[in-house]
Amino acid sequence: MTLEPESAGRVPPDMEAQTRRADVAAEDGERAIVYRLLATALEAPVGRDWLEVVGALPVIEGPLGTALKQLSAEARAADPQALRSDYHDLFIGVGRGELVPYASYYLTGFLNEKPLALLRQEMRRLGIERSPEVSEPEDHIAALCEMMAGLVEGAYGDGEPATASTFFRAHVAAWAPYFFKDLAGTSTSALYAALGQLGKVFIDLEDEADRLFSQQRQAG
């Protein structure tokens, strides 16, 4: 999913350098990197460049580090051609894939429902325009991860943490944990299962941090 303006695009070999800006805090830059990693893996079948970047990720501590380490190991062992088939089976299929990666589906059981309409209203408010090259609805998990990366970096909206928090709570936190849990449980692909575990751990951390942020705002 490609968004305009200042589209995140696919993760390039210099992923970290492309993501960070001088005026973005290091922690937020790292958050944007993970959001963008998830987005680029879920918008289309990953290629050799993505696998090489993810296979060389540094080791970090904690639950997120454990999930990244497993994904990195799977990336080093993966066959790009096999992953194309896995992506098709997981997200496209004949009629539909194993998983349906849209907010509307997870929240209502149908595509193109109220969650999508609310998201489009919020996108207009924030100045995020859908690229004419994109055919999928904007509530695809990859598009939402890209939007979160842009909001964290301040590329969309007013750049305030509260704006990213409001978007996360309204359009990501309500359903993404369930999607990533389902992806982590797939037997179709070891790499995509590891990606699901990473997403699950990361969104749980984001949710906890957002709740603390909201409490501090209310107390302050």
N, C-alpha and C. Protein backbone atom coordinates (compact mmCIF):
# COMPACT_ATOMS: atom_id res chain seq x y z
N MET A 1 0.85 -1.18 0.00
CA MET A 1 0.00 0.00 0.00
C MET A 1 0.89 1.23 0.00
N THR A 2 0.72 2.11 -0.95
CA THR A 2 1.53 3.32 -1.04
C THR A 2 0.66 4.53 -0.76
N LEU A 3 1.12 5.37 0.14
CA LEU A 3 0.36 6.53 0.54
C LEU A 3 1.07 7.80 0.15
N GLU A 4 0.32 8.84 -0.10
CA GLU A 4 0.85 10.14 -0.43
C GLU A 4 0.22 11.17 0.50
N PRO A 5 0.88 12.29 0.85
CA PRO A 5 2.23 12.64 0.48
C PRO A 5 3.26 11.96 1.36
N GLU A 6 4.54 12.13 1.06
CA GLU A 6 5.65 11.56 1.81
C GLU A 6 5.42 10.08 2.11
N SER A 7 5.19 9.33 1.03
CA SER A 7 4.90 7.92 1.16
C SER A 7 6.04 7.17 1.81
N ALA A 8 5.68 6.18 2.65
CA ALA A 8 6.70 5.34 3.26
C ALA A 8 7.36 4.45 2.23
N GLY A 9 6.59 3.91 1.31
CA GLY A 9 7.14 3.03 0.30
C GLY A 9 7.60 1.71 0.88
N ARG A 10 8.39 0.98 0.10
CA ARG A 10 8.94 -0.28 0.57
C ARG A 10 10.23 -0.03 1.34
N VAL A 11 10.60 -0.96 2.23
CA VAL A 11 11.81 -0.81 3.02
C VAL A 11 13.02 -0.96 2.11
N PRO A 12 13.85 0.08 1.98
CA PRO A 12 15.05 -0.01 1.16
C PRO A 12 16.18 -0.64 1.95
N PRO A 13 17.31 -0.96 1.32
CA PRO A 13 18.43 -1.52 2.07
C PRO A 13 18.87 -0.62 3.20
N ASP A 14 18.81 0.71 3.04
CA ASP A 14 19.19 1.63 4.11
C ASP A 14 17.95 2.05 4.89
N MET A 15 17.21 1.05 5.37
CA MET A 15 15.90 1.28 6.00
C MET A 15 15.99 2.29 7.12
N GLU A 16 16.97 2.15 8.02
CA GLU A 16 17.02 3.03 9.18
C GLU A 16 17.32 4.46 8.76
N ALA A 17 18.26 4.64 7.84
CA ALA A 17 18.61 5.98 7.41
C ALA A 17 17.44 6.66 6.72
N GLN A 18 16.65 5.90 5.96
CA GLN A 18 15.51 6.47 5.27
C GLN A 18 14.40 6.86 6.24
N THR A 19 14.30 6.15 7.34
CA THR A 19 13.20 6.38 8.26
C THR A 19 13.44 7.56 9.17
N ARG A 20 14.66 7.71 9.68
CA ARG A 20 14.92 8.72 10.68
C ARG A 20 15.09 10.10 10.08
N ARG A 21 14.64 11.12 10.82
CA ARG A 21 14.88 12.49 10.48
C ARG A 21 15.51 13.15 11.69
N ALA A 22 16.21 14.25 11.45
CA ALA A 22 16.96 14.89 12.53
C ALA A 22 16.07 15.31 13.68
N ASP A 23 14.83 15.68 13.38
CA ASP A 23 13.95 16.19 14.42
C ASP A 23 13.03 15.13 15.01
N VAL A 24 13.31 13.86 14.73
CA VAL A 24 12.52 12.76 15.29
C VAL A 24 13.33 12.09 16.39
N ALA A 25 12.74 11.96 17.56
CA ALA A 25 13.42 11.31 18.67
C ALA A 25 13.83 9.90 18.28
N ALA A 26 14.94 9.45 18.84
CA ALA A 26 15.47 8.13 18.49
C ALA A 26 14.44 7.04 18.72
N GLU A 27 13.73 7.11 19.85
CA GLU A 27 12.73 6.09 20.15
C GLU A 27 11.61 6.08 19.11
N ASP A 28 11.17 7.26 18.71
CA ASP A 28 10.11 7.33 17.71
C ASP A 28 10.62 6.86 16.35
N GLY A 29 11.88 7.15 16.04
CA GLY A 29 12.46 6.64 14.80
C GLY A 29 12.47 5.13 14.76
N GLU A 30 12.78 4.51 15.89
CA GLU A 30 12.79 3.05 15.97
C GLU A 30 11.38 2.49 15.85
N ARG A 31 10.41 3.17 16.45
CA ARG A 31 9.01 2.74 16.31
C ARG A 31 8.59 2.79 14.84
N ALA A 32 8.95 3.87 14.17
CA ALA A 32 8.59 4.01 12.76
C ALA A 32 9.23 2.91 11.92
N ILE A 33 10.46 2.53 12.26
CA ILE A 33 11.13 1.45 11.53
C ILE A 33 10.33 0.16 11.63
N VAL A 34 9.87 -0.18 12.84
CA VAL A 34 9.12 -1.42 13.01
C VAL A 34 7.78 -1.34 12.28
N TYR A 35 7.10 -0.22 12.39
CA TYR A 35 5.85 -0.07 11.64
C TYR A 35 6.09 -0.26 10.14
N ARG A 36 7.16 0.32 9.65
CA ARG A 36 7.44 0.24 8.21
C ARG A 36 7.88 -1.17 7.81
N LEU A 37 8.61 -1.84 8.69
CA LEU A 37 8.98 -3.23 8.43
C LEU A 37 7.72 -4.08 8.27
N LEU A 38 6.77 -3.91 9.17
CA LEU A 38 5.51 -4.66 9.08
C LEU A 38 4.76 -4.30 7.81
N ALA A 39 4.71 -3.01 7.49
CA ALA A 39 3.96 -2.56 6.31
C ALA A 39 4.52 -3.16 5.04
N THR A 40 5.83 -3.13 4.89
CA THR A 40 6.42 -3.60 3.64
C THR A 40 6.33 -5.12 3.49
N ALA A 41 6.24 -5.83 4.61
CA ALA A 41 6.09 -7.28 4.54
C ALA A 41 4.67 -7.69 4.23
N LEU A 42 3.70 -6.81 4.51
CA LEU A 42 2.30 -7.17 4.37
C LEU A 42 1.62 -6.56 3.16
N GLU A 43 2.26 -5.57 2.53
CA GLU A 43 1.63 -4.94 1.37
C GLU A 43 1.77 -5.79 0.11
N ALA A 44 2.81 -6.63 0.04
CA ALA A 44 3.10 -7.45 -1.15
C ALA A 44 4.12 -8.50 -0.75
N PRO A 45 4.31 -9.53 -1.56
CA PRO A 45 5.35 -10.52 -1.25
C PRO A 45 6.71 -9.85 -1.11
N VAL A 46 7.45 -10.22 -0.09
CA VAL A 46 8.76 -9.62 0.13
C VAL A 46 9.76 -10.16 -0.89
N GLY A 47 10.74 -9.34 -1.21
CA GLY A 47 11.78 -9.74 -2.15
C GLY A 47 13.10 -10.02 -1.45
N ARG A 48 14.12 -10.29 -2.25
CA ARG A 48 15.42 -10.64 -1.70
C ARG A 48 16.03 -9.48 -0.90
N ASP A 49 15.83 -8.24 -1.37
CA ASP A 49 16.37 -7.08 -0.65
C ASP A 49 15.81 -6.99 0.76
N TRP A 50 14.49 -7.16 0.89
CA TRP A 50 13.86 -7.13 2.21
C TRP A 50 14.42 -8.23 3.10
N LEU A 51 14.56 -9.42 2.55
CA LEU A 51 15.08 -10.55 3.33
C LEU A 51 16.50 -10.30 3.79
N GLU A 52 17.30 -9.68 2.95
CA GLU A 52 18.69 -9.39 3.33
C GLU A 52 18.75 -8.36 4.45
N VAL A 53 17.91 -7.32 4.35
CA VAL A 53 17.88 -6.30 5.40
C VAL A 53 17.43 -6.91 6.72
N VAL A 54 16.33 -7.63 6.70
CA VAL A 54 15.78 -8.20 7.93
C VAL A 54 16.68 -9.30 8.47
N GLY A 55 17.32 -10.04 7.60
CA GLY A 55 18.24 -11.09 8.04
C GLY A 55 19.46 -10.55 8.74
N ALA A 56 19.76 -9.28 8.55
CA ALA A 56 20.94 -8.66 9.16
C ALA A 56 20.60 -7.72 10.31
N LEU A 57 19.35 -7.75 10.80
CA LEU A 57 18.97 -6.86 11.89
C LEU A 57 19.79 -7.14 13.14
N PRO A 58 20.18 -6.10 13.88
CA PRO A 58 20.96 -6.30 15.11
C PRO A 58 20.13 -6.94 16.21
N VAL A 59 20.80 -7.59 17.12
CA VAL A 59 20.14 -8.21 18.27
C VAL A 59 19.86 -7.15 19.33
N ILE A 60 18.63 -7.11 19.84
CA ILE A 60 18.29 -6.22 20.93
C ILE A 60 17.63 -7.03 22.04
N GLU A 61 17.52 -6.43 23.21
CA GLU A 61 16.99 -7.13 24.38
C GLU A 61 15.46 -7.06 24.42
N GLY A 62 14.88 -7.92 25.24
CA GLY A 62 13.46 -7.84 25.53
C GLY A 62 12.61 -8.66 24.58
N PRO A 63 11.29 -8.67 24.84
CA PRO A 63 10.36 -9.44 24.01
C PRO A 63 10.39 -9.03 22.54
N LEU A 64 10.51 -7.73 22.27
CA LEU A 64 10.58 -7.29 20.89
C LEU A 64 11.84 -7.81 20.22
N GLY A 65 12.95 -7.79 20.96
CA GLY A 65 14.20 -8.32 20.43
C GLY A 65 14.11 -9.81 20.12
N THR A 66 13.42 -10.55 20.98
CA THR A 66 13.24 -11.99 20.74
C THR A 66 12.45 -12.23 19.46
N ALA A 67 11.38 -11.45 19.26
CA ALA A 67 10.57 -11.60 18.06
C ALA A 67 11.35 -11.20 16.81
N LEU A 68 12.13 -10.13 16.91
CA LEU A 68 12.95 -9.70 15.77
C LEU A 68 14.01 -10.74 15.44
N LYS A 69 14.59 -11.34 16.47
CA LYS A 69 15.61 -12.38 16.25
C LYS A 69 15.03 -13.57 15.49
N GLN A 70 13.83 -14.00 15.85
CA GLN A 70 13.19 -15.12 15.15
C GLN A 70 12.87 -14.75 13.71
N LEU A 71 12.33 -13.55 13.50
CA LEU A 71 12.03 -13.11 12.13
C LEU A 71 13.30 -13.02 11.31
N SER A 72 14.37 -12.52 11.90
CA SER A 72 15.64 -12.41 11.20
C SER A 72 16.16 -13.79 10.78
N ALA A 73 16.04 -14.76 11.67
CA ALA A 73 16.48 -16.12 11.34
C ALA A 73 15.66 -16.70 10.20
N GLU A 74 14.34 -16.48 10.24
CA GLU A 74 13.48 -16.99 9.17
C GLU A 74 13.79 -16.29 7.84
N ALA A 75 14.14 -15.01 7.90
CA ALA A 75 14.46 -14.27 6.68
C ALA A 75 15.73 -14.83 6.04
N ARG A 76 16.70 -15.20 6.84
CA ARG A 76 17.95 -15.75 6.29
C ARG A 76 17.73 -17.11 5.64
N ALA A 77 16.73 -17.84 6.10
CA ALA A 77 16.47 -19.18 5.58
C ALA A 77 15.42 -19.20 4.47
N ALA A 78 14.76 -18.09 4.22
CA ALA A 78 13.59 -18.08 3.34
C ALA A 78 13.97 -18.10 1.86
N ASP A 79 13.06 -18.64 1.07
CA ASP A 79 13.16 -18.65 -0.39
C ASP A 79 12.13 -17.65 -0.93
N PRO A 80 12.58 -16.58 -1.60
CA PRO A 80 11.63 -15.57 -2.07
C PRO A 80 10.51 -16.12 -2.95
N GLN A 81 10.83 -17.10 -3.78
CA GLN A 81 9.80 -17.66 -4.65
C GLN A 81 8.72 -18.38 -3.84
N ALA A 82 9.14 -19.12 -2.83
CA ALA A 82 8.18 -19.81 -1.97
C ALA A 82 7.33 -18.81 -1.20
N LEU A 83 7.94 -17.68 -0.82
CA LEU A 83 7.20 -16.67 -0.07
C LEU A 83 6.11 -16.03 -0.91
N ARG A 84 6.33 -15.94 -2.22
CA ARG A 84 5.28 -15.40 -3.09
C ARG A 84 4.04 -16.28 -3.03
N SER A 85 4.25 -17.58 -3.06
CA SER A 85 3.13 -18.52 -2.95
C SER A 85 2.47 -18.44 -1.58
N ASP A 86 3.31 -18.32 -0.54
CA ASP A 86 2.78 -18.21 0.82
C ASP A 86 1.92 -16.96 0.96
N TYR A 87 2.39 -15.84 0.42
CA TYR A 87 1.65 -14.59 0.51
C TYR A 87 0.29 -14.73 -0.18
N HIS A 88 0.29 -15.37 -1.34
CA HIS A 88 -0.97 -15.58 -2.07
C HIS A 88 -1.94 -16.40 -1.23
N ASP A 89 -1.44 -17.50 -0.68
CA ASP A 89 -2.31 -18.38 0.10
C ASP A 89 -2.84 -17.68 1.36
N LEU A 90 -1.99 -16.86 1.97
CA LEU A 90 -2.38 -16.21 3.21
C LEU A 90 -3.39 -15.07 3.00
N PHE A 91 -3.15 -14.23 1.99
CA PHE A 91 -3.88 -12.98 1.90
C PHE A 91 -4.73 -12.79 0.64
N ILE A 92 -4.58 -13.68 -0.34
CA ILE A 92 -5.33 -13.53 -1.58
C ILE A 92 -6.20 -14.76 -1.81
N GLY A 93 -5.57 -15.89 -2.05
CA GLY A 93 -6.28 -17.15 -2.21
C GLY A 93 -7.18 -17.20 -3.43
N VAL A 94 -7.99 -18.23 -3.49
CA VAL A 94 -9.01 -18.35 -4.53
C VAL A 94 -10.33 -17.93 -3.90
N GLY A 95 -10.76 -16.72 -4.19
CA GLY A 95 -11.92 -16.15 -3.51
C GLY A 95 -11.50 -15.30 -2.33
N ARG A 96 -10.75 -15.88 -1.41
CA ARG A 96 -10.16 -15.14 -0.28
C ARG A 96 -9.04 -15.97 0.31
N GLY A 97 -8.12 -15.30 0.99
CA GLY A 97 -7.00 -15.99 1.59
C GLY A 97 -7.33 -16.54 2.97
N GLU A 98 -6.32 -17.12 3.56
CA GLU A 98 -6.47 -17.65 4.91
C GLU A 98 -6.85 -16.54 5.90
N LEU A 99 -6.28 -15.35 5.70
CA LEU A 99 -6.56 -14.19 6.54
C LEU A 99 -7.04 -13.04 5.68
N VAL A 100 -7.88 -12.20 6.25
CA VAL A 100 -8.39 -11.02 5.55
C VAL A 100 -7.86 -9.79 6.29
N PRO A 101 -6.82 -9.14 5.79
CA PRO A 101 -6.09 -8.14 6.58
C PRO A 101 -6.68 -6.74 6.55
N TYR A 102 -7.97 -6.62 6.80
CA TYR A 102 -8.65 -5.33 6.75
C TYR A 102 -9.38 -5.07 8.07
N ALA A 103 -9.33 -3.81 8.52
CA ALA A 103 -9.99 -3.45 9.76
C ALA A 103 -11.49 -3.72 9.70
N SER A 104 -12.13 -3.36 8.58
CA SER A 104 -13.57 -3.56 8.46
C SER A 104 -13.95 -5.02 8.68
N TYR A 105 -13.17 -5.92 8.10
CA TYR A 105 -13.50 -7.33 8.22
C TYR A 105 -13.36 -7.80 9.66
N TYR A 106 -12.28 -7.40 10.32
CA TYR A 106 -12.07 -7.86 11.70
C TYR A 106 -13.09 -7.25 12.66
N LEU A 107 -13.54 -6.05 12.38
CA LEU A 107 -14.44 -5.37 13.30
C LEU A 107 -15.92 -5.61 13.01
N THR A 108 -16.26 -5.93 11.76
CA THR A 108 -17.68 -6.11 11.41
C THR A 108 -17.98 -7.44 10.72
N GLY A 109 -16.95 -8.12 10.22
CA GLY A 109 -17.18 -9.35 9.47
C GLY A 109 -17.38 -9.13 7.99
N PHE A 110 -17.33 -7.87 7.55
CA PHE A 110 -17.51 -7.54 6.14
C PHE A 110 -16.49 -6.50 5.71
N LEU A 111 -16.21 -6.45 4.41
CA LEU A 111 -15.31 -5.44 3.86
C LEU A 111 -16.06 -4.14 3.60
N ASN A 112 -15.31 -3.04 3.54
CA ASN A 112 -15.84 -1.73 3.13
C ASN A 112 -16.99 -1.25 4.02
N GLU A 113 -16.84 -1.47 5.32
CA GLU A 113 -17.89 -1.07 6.25
C GLU A 113 -17.51 0.22 6.99
N LYS A 114 -18.21 0.53 8.06
CA LYS A 114 -18.05 1.79 8.77
C LYS A 114 -16.62 2.08 9.19
N PRO A 115 -15.83 1.09 9.65
CA PRO A 115 -14.44 1.42 10.01
C PRO A 115 -13.66 2.05 8.87
N LEU A 116 -13.91 1.61 7.64
CA LEU A 116 -13.24 2.21 6.49
C LEU A 116 -13.71 3.64 6.26
N ALA A 117 -15.01 3.88 6.39
CA ALA A 117 -15.53 5.24 6.21
C ALA A 117 -14.94 6.20 7.25
N LEU A 118 -14.84 5.74 8.49
CA LEU A 118 -14.27 6.58 9.54
C LEU A 118 -12.79 6.84 9.29
N LEU A 119 -12.09 5.82 8.81
CA LEU A 119 -10.67 5.99 8.48
C LEU A 119 -10.49 7.03 7.38
N ARG A 120 -11.32 6.96 6.35
CA ARG A 120 -11.20 7.92 5.24
C ARG A 120 -11.46 9.35 5.73
N GLN A 121 -12.39 9.52 6.64
CA GLN A 121 -12.62 10.85 7.22
C GLN A 121 -11.38 11.34 7.94
N GLU A 122 -10.76 10.46 8.70
CA GLU A 122 -9.56 10.85 9.45
C GLU A 122 -8.40 11.13 8.50
N MET A 123 -8.27 10.36 7.43
CA MET A 123 -7.22 10.61 6.46
C MET A 123 -7.37 11.99 5.83
N ARG A 124 -8.60 12.36 5.50
CA ARG A 124 -8.82 13.70 4.93
C ARG A 124 -8.43 14.78 5.92
N ARG A 125 -8.76 14.56 7.18
CA ARG A 125 -8.44 15.56 8.21
C ARG A 125 -6.94 15.72 8.37
N LEU A 126 -6.21 14.61 8.24
CA LEU A 126 -4.75 14.62 8.43
C LEU A 126 -3.99 14.94 7.16
N GLY A 127 -4.70 15.03 6.03
CA GLY A 127 -4.03 15.33 4.77
C GLY A 127 -3.32 14.14 4.15
N ILE A 128 -3.80 12.94 4.43
CA ILE A 128 -3.22 11.72 3.84
C ILE A 128 -4.08 11.32 2.65
N GLU A 129 -3.48 11.28 1.48
CA GLU A 129 -4.22 10.94 0.27
C GLU A 129 -3.82 9.56 -0.24
N ARG A 130 -4.80 8.83 -0.68
CA ARG A 130 -4.56 7.51 -1.26
C ARG A 130 -3.94 7.66 -2.64
N SER A 131 -2.89 6.87 -2.90
CA SER A 131 -2.25 6.89 -4.21
C SER A 131 -3.20 6.31 -5.26
N PRO A 132 -3.25 6.90 -6.47
CA PRO A 132 -4.11 6.34 -7.52
C PRO A 132 -3.67 4.96 -7.98
N GLU A 133 -2.45 4.55 -7.62
CA GLU A 133 -1.95 3.22 -8.00
C GLU A 133 -2.48 2.12 -7.09
N VAL A 134 -3.08 2.50 -5.97
CA VAL A 134 -3.53 1.52 -4.98
C VAL A 134 -4.97 1.14 -5.25
N SER A 135 -5.25 -0.15 -5.27
CA SER A 135 -6.62 -0.62 -5.50
C SER A 135 -7.28 -1.13 -4.23
N GLU A 136 -6.49 -1.53 -3.23
CA GLU A 136 -7.07 -2.07 -2.00
C GLU A 136 -7.66 -0.97 -1.14
N PRO A 137 -8.68 -1.29 -0.35
CA PRO A 137 -9.21 -0.32 0.62
C PRO A 137 -8.12 0.14 1.59
N GLU A 138 -8.27 1.36 2.09
CA GLU A 138 -7.23 1.96 2.92
C GLU A 138 -7.11 1.33 4.30
N ASP A 139 -8.07 0.52 4.71
CA ASP A 139 -7.97 -0.08 6.04
C ASP A 139 -7.21 -1.40 6.03
N HIS A 140 -6.41 -1.64 5.00
CA HIS A 140 -5.49 -2.77 4.97
C HIS A 140 -4.43 -2.57 6.05
N ILE A 141 -4.02 -3.63 6.70
CA ILE A 141 -3.06 -3.53 7.80
C ILE A 141 -1.76 -2.88 7.36
N ALA A 142 -1.31 -3.12 6.13
CA ALA A 142 -0.07 -2.51 5.67
C ALA A 142 -0.20 -1.00 5.56
N ALA A 143 -1.33 -0.54 5.03
CA ALA A 143 -1.55 0.91 4.90
C ALA A 143 -1.61 1.56 6.27
N LEU A 144 -2.26 0.92 7.22
CA LEU A 144 -2.37 1.50 8.56
C LEU A 144 -1.01 1.56 9.25
N CYS A 145 -0.18 0.55 9.02
CA CYS A 145 1.17 0.59 9.58
C CYS A 145 1.99 1.72 8.94
N GLU A 146 1.83 1.92 7.65
CA GLU A 146 2.51 3.03 6.99
C GLU A 146 2.03 4.37 7.55
N MET A 147 0.73 4.50 7.75
CA MET A 147 0.20 5.74 8.29
C MET A 147 0.72 5.98 9.70
N MET A 148 0.79 4.93 10.51
CA MET A 148 1.33 5.08 11.85
C MET A 148 2.79 5.51 11.81
N ALA A 149 3.57 4.96 10.90
CA ALA A 149 4.97 5.38 10.77
C ALA A 149 5.05 6.87 10.47
N GLY A 150 4.22 7.34 9.53
CA GLY A 150 4.22 8.75 9.17
C GLY A 150 3.76 9.64 10.31
N LEU A 151 2.78 9.18 11.08
CA LEU A 151 2.29 9.96 12.21
C LEU A 151 3.34 10.03 13.32
N VAL A 152 4.01 8.93 13.57
CA VAL A 152 5.06 8.91 14.59
C VAL A 152 6.20 9.86 14.22
N GLU A 153 6.52 9.90 12.94
CA GLU A 153 7.59 10.77 12.46
C GLU A 153 7.15 12.23 12.31
N GLY A 154 5.86 12.48 12.32
CA GLY A 154 5.37 13.82 12.12
C GLY A 154 5.17 14.20 10.68
N ALA A 155 5.17 13.21 9.77
CA ALA A 155 4.98 13.50 8.35
C ALA A 155 3.52 13.83 8.03
N TYR A 156 2.60 13.35 8.85
CA TYR A 156 1.18 13.61 8.66
C TYR A 156 0.65 14.40 9.84
N GLY A 157 -0.41 15.13 9.61
CA GLY A 157 -1.06 15.84 10.70
C GLY A 157 -0.18 16.95 11.26
N ASP A 158 -0.33 17.21 12.56
CA ASP A 158 0.39 18.31 13.20
C ASP A 158 1.68 17.87 13.87
N GLY A 159 2.02 16.58 13.77
CA GLY A 159 3.26 16.09 14.36
C GLY A 159 3.21 15.87 15.85
N GLU A 160 2.05 16.10 16.47
CA GLU A 160 1.93 15.94 17.92
C GLU A 160 1.71 14.47 18.29
N PRO A 161 2.35 14.02 19.38
CA PRO A 161 2.13 12.63 19.83
C PRO A 161 0.66 12.31 20.07
N ALA A 162 -0.11 13.30 20.51
CA ALA A 162 -1.53 13.06 20.76
C ALA A 162 -2.27 12.68 19.49
N THR A 163 -1.85 13.22 18.35
CA THR A 163 -2.50 12.89 17.08
C THR A 163 -2.26 11.43 16.72
N ALA A 164 -1.00 11.00 16.87
CA ALA A 164 -0.68 9.59 16.61
C ALA A 164 -1.41 8.68 17.58
N SER A 165 -1.52 9.12 18.84
CA SER A 165 -2.21 8.32 19.85
C SER A 165 -3.69 8.14 19.50
N THR A 166 -4.33 9.22 19.10
CA THR A 166 -5.75 9.15 18.75
C THR A 166 -5.97 8.23 17.56
N PHE A 167 -5.11 8.32 16.55
CA PHE A 167 -5.22 7.47 15.37
C PHE A 167 -5.01 6.01 15.75
N PHE A 168 -3.99 5.75 16.54
CA PHE A 168 -3.69 4.37 16.96
C PHE A 168 -4.88 3.78 17.69
N ARG A 169 -5.44 4.52 18.63
CA ARG A 169 -6.54 4.00 19.42
C ARG A 169 -7.77 3.74 18.56
N ALA A 170 -8.04 4.60 17.58
CA ALA A 170 -9.26 4.49 16.78
C ALA A 170 -9.15 3.46 15.66
N HIS A 171 -7.96 3.32 15.07
CA HIS A 171 -7.88 2.56 13.83
C HIS A 171 -6.93 1.35 13.86
N VAL A 172 -6.16 1.20 14.93
CA VAL A 172 -5.20 0.10 14.99
C VAL A 172 -5.44 -0.79 16.21
N ALA A 173 -5.52 -0.20 17.38
CA ALA A 173 -5.57 -0.98 18.62
C ALA A 173 -6.79 -1.88 18.72
N ALA A 174 -7.88 -1.49 18.07
CA ALA A 174 -9.13 -2.25 18.20
C ALA A 174 -9.12 -3.59 17.47
N TRP A 175 -8.19 -3.77 16.52
CA TRP A 175 -8.26 -5.01 15.74
C TRP A 175 -6.90 -5.60 15.38
N ALA A 176 -5.86 -4.79 15.27
CA ALA A 176 -4.56 -5.30 14.83
C ALA A 176 -4.01 -6.42 15.73
N PRO A 177 -4.20 -6.35 17.07
CA PRO A 177 -3.71 -7.46 17.89
C PRO A 177 -4.30 -8.81 17.49
N TYR A 178 -5.58 -8.82 17.10
CA TYR A 178 -6.23 -10.08 16.70
C TYR A 178 -5.71 -10.56 15.35
N PHE A 179 -5.49 -9.62 14.44
CA PHE A 179 -4.92 -10.00 13.15
C PHE A 179 -3.54 -10.60 13.33
N PHE A 180 -2.68 -9.94 14.10
CA PHE A 180 -1.31 -10.44 14.26
C PHE A 180 -1.29 -11.76 15.05
N LYS A 181 -2.21 -11.93 15.98
CA LYS A 181 -2.32 -13.22 16.67
C LYS A 181 -2.67 -14.32 15.68
N ASP A 182 -3.61 -14.05 14.79
CA ASP A 182 -3.99 -15.03 13.77
C ASP A 182 -2.80 -15.33 12.84
N LEU A 183 -2.08 -14.28 12.45
CA LEU A 183 -0.93 -14.49 11.57
C LEU A 183 0.16 -15.29 12.28
N ALA A 184 0.38 -15.01 13.56
CA ALA A 184 1.39 -15.75 14.32
C ALA A 184 1.05 -17.24 14.41
N GLY A 185 -0.23 -17.57 14.31
CA GLY A 185 -0.66 -18.95 14.43
C GLY A 185 -0.71 -19.71 13.13
N THR A 186 -0.36 -19.07 12.02
CA THR A 186 -0.44 -19.76 10.73
C THR A 186 0.59 -20.87 10.61
N SER A 187 0.21 -21.94 9.92
CA SER A 187 1.15 -23.01 9.59
C SER A 187 1.57 -22.93 8.13
N THR A 188 1.10 -21.91 7.42
CA THR A 188 1.39 -21.77 6.00
C THR A 188 2.83 -21.34 5.75
N SER A 189 3.38 -20.50 6.62
CA SER A 189 4.70 -19.93 6.40
C SER A 189 5.37 -19.62 7.72
N ALA A 190 6.58 -20.15 7.92
CA ALA A 190 7.32 -19.87 9.15
C ALA A 190 7.69 -18.39 9.23
N LEU A 191 8.03 -17.79 8.10
CA LEU A 191 8.41 -16.38 8.11
C LEU A 191 7.22 -15.51 8.47
N TYR A 192 6.07 -15.76 7.87
CA TYR A 192 4.90 -14.92 8.17
C TYR A 192 4.39 -15.18 9.58
N ALA A 193 4.56 -16.39 10.09
CA ALA A 193 4.21 -16.64 11.49
C ALA A 193 5.12 -15.82 12.41
N ALA A 194 6.41 -15.75 12.08
CA ALA A 194 7.34 -14.94 12.87
C ALA A 194 7.00 -13.46 12.74
N LEU A 195 6.58 -13.04 11.56
CA LEU A 195 6.14 -11.65 11.36
C LEU A 195 4.92 -11.36 12.22
N GLY A 196 3.99 -12.31 12.28
CA GLY A 196 2.81 -12.14 13.12
C GLY A 196 3.18 -12.01 14.58
N GLN A 197 4.14 -12.80 15.04
CA GLN A 197 4.57 -12.70 16.43
C GLN A 197 5.21 -11.35 16.70
N LEU A 198 6.02 -10.87 15.77
CA LEU A 198 6.60 -9.54 15.91
C LEU A 198 5.50 -8.49 16.00
N GLY A 199 4.53 -8.55 15.09
CA GLY A 199 3.44 -7.59 15.11
C GLY A 199 2.66 -7.63 16.41
N LYS A 200 2.40 -8.83 16.90
CA LYS A 200 1.65 -8.99 18.15
C LYS A 200 2.40 -8.35 19.31
N VAL A 201 3.68 -8.67 19.44
CA VAL A 201 4.49 -8.12 20.53
C VAL A 201 4.58 -6.60 20.42
N PHE A 202 4.82 -6.11 19.20
CA PHE A 202 5.00 -4.68 19.00
C PHE A 202 3.72 -3.91 19.29
N ILE A 203 2.59 -4.37 18.77
CA ILE A 203 1.33 -3.66 19.02
C ILE A 203 0.95 -3.71 20.49
N ASP A 204 1.25 -4.81 21.17
CA ASP A 204 1.01 -4.87 22.61
C ASP A 204 1.83 -3.82 23.35
N LEU A 205 3.10 -3.65 22.94
CA LEU A 205 3.95 -2.63 23.55
C LEU A 205 3.44 -1.23 23.23
N GLU A 206 3.01 -1.03 22.00
CA GLU A 206 2.45 0.27 21.60
C GLU A 206 1.19 0.57 22.41
N ASP A 207 0.38 -0.43 22.61
CA ASP A 207 -0.87 -0.25 23.37
C ASP A 207 -0.57 0.13 24.81
N GLU A 208 0.38 -0.56 25.42
CA GLU A 208 0.75 -0.25 26.80
C GLU A 208 1.32 1.17 26.91
N ALA A 209 2.21 1.53 25.98
CA ALA A 209 2.81 2.87 25.99
C ALA A 209 1.74 3.93 25.76
N ASP A 210 0.79 3.64 24.88
CA ASP A 210 -0.27 4.62 24.59
C ASP A 210 -1.17 4.83 25.80
N ARG A 211 -1.45 3.77 26.53
CA ARG A 211 -2.28 3.90 27.73
C ARG A 211 -1.57 4.76 28.78
N LEU A 212 -0.27 4.55 28.94
CA LEU A 212 0.50 5.37 29.88
C LEU A 212 0.52 6.83 29.44
N PHE A 213 0.68 7.04 28.14
CA PHE A 213 0.69 8.40 27.59
C PHE A 213 -0.65 9.08 27.85
N SER A 214 -1.73 8.35 27.65
CA SER A 214 -3.07 8.92 27.86
C SER A 214 -3.29 9.25 29.34
N GLN A 215 -2.82 8.39 30.22
CA GLN A 215 -2.96 8.65 31.66
C GLN A 215 -2.18 9.90 32.06
N GLN A 216 -0.98 10.05 31.50
CA GLN A 216 -0.16 11.23 31.81
C GLN A 216 -0.82 12.50 31.32
N ARG A 217 -1.44 12.44 30.14
CA ARG A 217 -2.13 13.61 29.59
C ARG A 217 -3.31 13.99 30.50
N GLN A 218 -4.05 12.98 30.95
CA GLN A 218 -5.21 13.27 31.78
C GLN A 218 -4.77 13.81 33.14
N ALA A 219 -3.65 13.31 33.66
CA ALA A 219 -3.16 13.76 34.95
C ALA A 219 -2.50 15.13 34.87
N GLY A 220 -1.96 15.45 33.68
CA GLY A 220 -1.22 16.70 33.54
C GLY A 220 -2.05 17.89 33.32
